[in-house]
């Protein structure tokens, strides 16, 4: 656990404490709208509770990206010996209404994506037909 994840947990705990105190004092309300829970608040306890929870989210994400960056830049010694040169090929299809946008890292992947796009268009045509 790096320092950003620890600070994230501290901020999350403080945010929950502030929201709980605000809930007891009547500054913060909680409820369910259909199936979606919500929290609304006014006053300093609600404000600081939300600020700490949002700060904990950003600190956690920053710590996660920092951790991933360190793992990429400094692989373990055993990984250096067993690492082989590999290549990753990928592609995809974005259906923007009736217009397919097809991309791929090679022509073979692009052709496979075109075939998958045609199959997807045919399946959606027959699924939504009256």
Protein backbone atom coordinates (compact mmCIF):
# COMPACT_ATOMS: atom_id res chain seq x y z
CA UNK A 1 0.00 0.00 0.00
CA UNK A 2 1.55 3.27 -1.06
CA UNK A 3 1.08 6.64 0.63
CA UNK A 4 -1.71 7.72 -1.72
CA UNK A 5 -3.82 4.66 -0.91
CA UNK A 6 -3.30 5.27 2.82
CA UNK A 7 -4.32 8.93 2.45
CA UNK A 8 -7.32 7.79 0.42
CA UNK A 9 -8.48 5.54 3.25
CA UNK A 10 -7.99 8.34 5.79
CA UNK A 11 -10.00 10.77 3.65
CA UNK A 12 -12.75 8.20 3.11
CA UNK A 13 -12.98 7.55 6.85
CA UNK A 14 -13.09 11.29 7.61
CA UNK A 15 -15.76 11.81 4.94
CA UNK A 16 -17.94 9.08 6.41
CA UNK A 17 -17.47 10.49 9.91
CA UNK A 18 -18.42 14.01 8.79
CA UNK A 19 -21.48 12.72 6.91
CA UNK A 20 -22.52 10.65 9.94
CA UNK A 21 -22.22 13.67 12.25
CA UNK A 22 -24.19 15.74 9.74
CA UNK A 23 -26.82 12.99 9.59
CA UNK A 24 -27.17 13.04 13.39
CA UNK A 25 -27.44 16.84 13.47
CA UNK A 26 -29.96 16.86 10.62
CA UNK A 27 -27.74 18.57 8.03
CA UNK A 28 -27.47 15.46 5.85
CA UNK A 29 -30.31 13.36 4.45
CA UNK A 30 -30.20 9.91 2.89
CA UNK A 31 -32.82 8.05 0.95
CA UNK A 32 -33.67 5.88 -2.01
CA UNK A 33 -35.07 7.18 -5.30
CA UNK A 34 -36.55 4.16 -7.08
CA UNK A 35 -33.56 1.82 -6.62
CA UNK A 36 -30.81 4.47 -6.52
CA UNK A 37 -29.57 5.57 -3.08
CA UNK A 38 -28.75 9.23 -2.59
CA UNK A 39 -27.21 11.51 0.01
CA UNK A 40 -27.89 15.23 0.13
CA UNK A 41 -26.61 17.70 2.61
CA UNK A 42 -26.24 21.28 3.64
CA UNK A 43 -23.98 22.88 6.18
CA UNK A 44 -20.33 22.37 6.95
CA UNK A 45 -20.50 18.70 7.92
CA UNK A 46 -22.15 17.73 4.65
CA UNK A 47 -19.73 19.87 2.67
CA UNK A 48 -16.60 18.48 4.32
CA UNK A 49 -17.95 14.94 4.11
CA UNK A 50 -18.44 15.20 0.36
CA UNK A 51 -15.08 16.95 -0.12
CA UNK A 52 -13.22 14.22 1.78
CA UNK A 53 -14.96 11.43 -0.13
CA UNK A 54 -14.21 13.05 -3.51
CA UNK A 55 -10.60 13.66 -2.42
CA UNK A 56 -10.29 10.00 -1.40
CA UNK A 57 -11.47 8.93 -4.85
CA UNK A 58 -8.88 11.12 -6.59
CA UNK A 59 -6.10 10.02 -4.23
CA UNK A 60 -6.93 6.36 -4.82
CA UNK A 61 -6.90 6.79 -8.61
CA UNK A 62 -3.65 8.75 -8.47
CA UNK A 63 -2.08 6.07 -6.28
CA UNK A 64 -3.28 3.37 -8.66
CA UNK A 65 -1.75 5.07 -11.69
CA UNK A 66 1.45 5.69 -9.72
CA UNK A 67 1.60 1.99 -8.77
CA UNK A 68 1.03 0.85 -12.35
CA UNK A 69 3.67 3.27 -13.64
CA UNK A 70 6.23 1.94 -11.14
CA UNK A 71 5.45 -1.66 -12.09
CA UNK A 72 5.91 -0.91 -15.79
CA UNK A 73 9.14 1.05 -15.39
CA UNK A 74 10.79 -1.26 -12.82
CA UNK A 75 9.99 -4.92 -13.55
CA UNK A 76 11.27 -7.61 -11.20
CA UNK A 77 14.60 -9.34 -11.95
CA UNK A 78 12.89 -12.65 -12.69
CA UNK A 79 10.70 -10.91 -15.24
CA UNK A 80 13.73 -9.48 -17.03
CA UNK A 81 15.21 -12.93 -17.60
CA UNK A 82 11.99 -14.57 -18.77
CA UNK A 83 10.63 -11.65 -20.78
CA UNK A 84 10.19 -12.33 -24.47
CA UNK A 85 9.36 -9.88 -27.17
CA UNK A 86 5.63 -10.02 -27.79
CA UNK A 87 3.28 -7.97 -29.85
CA UNK A 88 -0.34 -7.22 -29.19
CA UNK A 89 -2.80 -6.87 -32.02
CA UNK A 90 -6.23 -5.43 -31.58
CA UNK A 91 -9.16 -3.94 -33.35
CA UNK A 92 -12.75 -3.00 -32.88
CA UNK A 93 -16.03 -1.81 -34.27
CA UNK A 94 -18.02 1.23 -33.21
CA UNK A 95 -21.56 1.35 -34.54
CA UNK A 96 -22.52 5.00 -34.73
CA UNK A 97 -26.12 4.59 -35.81
CA UNK A 98 -26.07 2.82 -39.17
CA UNK A 99 -22.44 3.76 -39.83
CA UNK A 100 -19.79 1.28 -38.64
CA UNK A 101 -16.39 2.69 -37.68
CA UNK A 102 -13.82 -0.10 -37.94
CA UNK A 103 -10.23 0.04 -36.72
CA UNK A 104 -7.43 -2.45 -36.25
CA UNK A 105 -3.70 -2.72 -35.81
CA UNK A 106 -3.35 -4.88 -38.94
CA UNK A 107 -5.35 -5.65 -42.07
CA UNK A 108 -6.19 -9.13 -40.81
CA UNK A 109 -7.72 -7.75 -37.61
CA UNK A 110 -9.59 -5.10 -39.61
CA UNK A 111 -11.11 -7.76 -41.92
CA UNK A 112 -12.19 -9.80 -38.89
CA UNK A 113 -13.73 -6.63 -37.41
CA UNK A 114 -15.61 -5.98 -40.68
CA UNK A 115 -17.04 -9.50 -40.61
CA UNK A 116 -18.07 -9.10 -36.97
CA UNK A 117 -19.68 -5.73 -37.78
CA UNK A 118 -21.73 -7.27 -40.60
CA UNK A 119 -22.85 -10.10 -38.30
CA UNK A 120 -23.74 -7.60 -35.57
CA UNK A 121 -25.76 -5.45 -38.00
CA UNK A 122 -27.66 -8.50 -39.29
CA UNK A 123 -28.41 -9.76 -35.77
CA UNK A 124 -29.61 -6.33 -34.64
CA UNK A 125 -31.75 -5.98 -37.79
CA UNK A 126 -33.55 -9.25 -37.13
CA UNK A 127 -33.81 -8.60 -33.38
CA UNK A 128 -35.51 -5.22 -33.67
CA UNK A 129 -37.70 -5.98 -36.72
CA UNK A 130 -41.47 -5.80 -36.16
